[in-house]
Amino acid sequence: MSNKTREHHHFESDKKGIISRLSRIEGQVRGISKMVQEGVYCQDVLNQFASVKSALNGARDIILQEHIKHCIAKKMAQDKVAATEELMSIIKKISK
């Protein structure tokens, strides 16, 4: 994915928090792998998948909020149609 024409992200203020969340998620995924290797009961593994999904959604939502507040809002002032199309594309991708 090329970012040559894109601006930098606007979540610098919470970058450490987001990276911390992602690091915890990495640990959770490694934990799931270990559980599978050890033959842990399926329901327990599936519960961990749900936990990871929730954690990923939380991190995603922080970045999405910042994108809407800064990037989409700025684009709205310049080109409402393009900004709306971008937002709809994002929503479509993340709602699957």
Protein backbone atom coordinates (compact mmCIF):
# COMPACT_ATOMS: atom_id res chain seq x y z
CA MET A 1 0.00 0.00 0.00
CA SER A 2 1.49 3.29 -1.11
CA ASN A 3 1.22 6.37 1.07
CA LYS A 4 2.94 8.76 -1.37
CA THR A 5 -0.17 10.91 -1.83
CA ARG A 6 -1.57 10.45 1.66
CA GLU A 7 -0.99 12.61 4.68
CA HIS A 8 0.46 11.28 7.90
CA HIS A 9 -1.83 9.81 10.50
CA HIS A 10 -3.31 12.07 13.16
CA PHE A 11 -3.22 9.77 16.16
CA GLU A 12 0.25 10.79 17.36
CA SER A 13 -1.18 11.80 20.73
CA ASP A 14 -2.24 8.20 21.41
CA LYS A 15 0.39 6.40 19.33
CA LYS A 16 2.00 4.82 22.40
CA GLY A 17 -1.39 3.65 23.65
CA ILE A 18 -2.27 2.12 20.29
CA ILE A 19 1.11 0.37 20.03
CA SER A 20 0.66 -0.92 23.57
CA ARG A 21 -2.77 -2.32 22.67
CA LEU A 22 -1.35 -3.97 19.55
CA SER A 23 1.48 -5.51 21.55
CA ARG A 24 -1.03 -7.02 23.97
CA ILE A 25 -3.00 -8.36 21.02
CA GLU A 26 0.18 -9.93 19.63
CA GLY A 27 0.64 -11.67 22.97
CA GLN A 28 -2.94 -12.89 22.93
CA VAL A 29 -2.51 -14.34 19.44
CA ARG A 30 0.69 -16.11 20.51
CA GLY A 31 -1.29 -17.43 23.47
CA ILE A 32 -3.94 -18.83 21.14
CA SER A 33 -1.26 -20.57 19.10
CA LYS A 34 0.14 -22.11 22.26
CA MET A 35 -3.33 -23.21 23.36
CA VAL A 36 -3.87 -24.95 20.01
CA GLN A 37 -0.47 -26.63 20.23
CA GLU A 38 -1.28 -27.85 23.72
CA GLY A 39 -4.72 -29.13 22.73
CA VAL A 40 -6.68 -26.82 25.04
CA TYR A 41 -10.46 -27.29 25.04
CA CYS A 42 -12.03 -25.71 21.91
CA GLN A 43 -14.39 -23.40 23.80
CA ASP A 44 -11.48 -21.88 25.72
CA VAL A 45 -9.61 -21.24 22.46
CA LEU A 46 -12.72 -19.73 20.88
CA ASN A 47 -13.15 -17.45 23.90
CA GLN A 48 -9.64 -16.16 23.30
CA PHE A 49 -10.47 -15.50 19.65
CA ALA A 50 -13.43 -13.39 20.80
CA SER A 51 -11.13 -11.50 23.16
CA VAL A 52 -8.63 -10.77 20.38
CA LYS A 53 -11.40 -9.64 18.04
CA SER A 54 -12.71 -7.26 20.68
CA ALA A 55 -9.23 -5.87 21.34
CA LEU A 56 -8.60 -5.36 17.61
CA ASN A 57 -11.94 -3.61 17.23
CA GLY A 58 -11.03 -1.29 20.10
CA ALA A 59 -7.71 -0.31 18.52
CA ARG A 60 -9.38 0.06 15.13
CA ASP A 61 -12.07 2.31 16.59
CA ILE A 62 -9.51 4.68 18.09
CA ILE A 63 -7.80 5.10 14.73
CA LEU A 64 -11.14 5.37 12.91
CA GLN A 65 -12.31 8.13 15.27
CA GLU A 66 -9.14 10.11 14.72
CA HIS A 67 -9.39 9.61 10.96
CA ILE A 68 -12.94 10.92 10.92
CA LYS A 69 -12.15 13.87 13.22
CA HIS A 70 -9.10 15.00 11.29
CA CYS A 71 -8.72 13.53 7.81
CA ILE A 72 -12.35 13.15 6.77
CA ALA A 73 -13.33 16.48 8.32
CA LYS A 74 -10.52 18.22 6.41
CA LYS A 75 -11.51 16.50 3.17
CA MET A 76 -15.16 17.45 3.71
CA ALA A 77 -14.15 21.10 3.51
CA GLN A 78 -12.43 20.45 0.18
CA ASP A 79 -14.53 17.76 -1.50
CA LYS A 80 -17.60 16.39 0.28
CA VAL A 81 -18.25 13.70 -2.31
CA ALA A 82 -14.72 12.28 -2.16
CA ALA A 83 -14.68 12.44 1.64
CA THR A 84 -18.04 10.69 1.87
CA GLU A 85 -16.93 8.01 -0.59
CA GLU A 86 -13.76 7.40 1.42
CA LEU A 87 -15.70 7.10 4.67
CA MET A 88 -18.24 4.75 3.10
CA SER A 89 -15.42 2.60 1.71
CA ILE A 90 -13.85 2.36 5.16
CA ILE A 91 -17.16 1.47 6.80
CA LYS A 92 -17.80 -1.19 4.17
CA LYS A 93 -14.38 -2.78 4.76
CA ILE A 94 -14.56 -2.82 8.55
CA SER A 95 -18.14 -4.02 8.79
CA LYS A 96 -17.46 -7.34 7.10
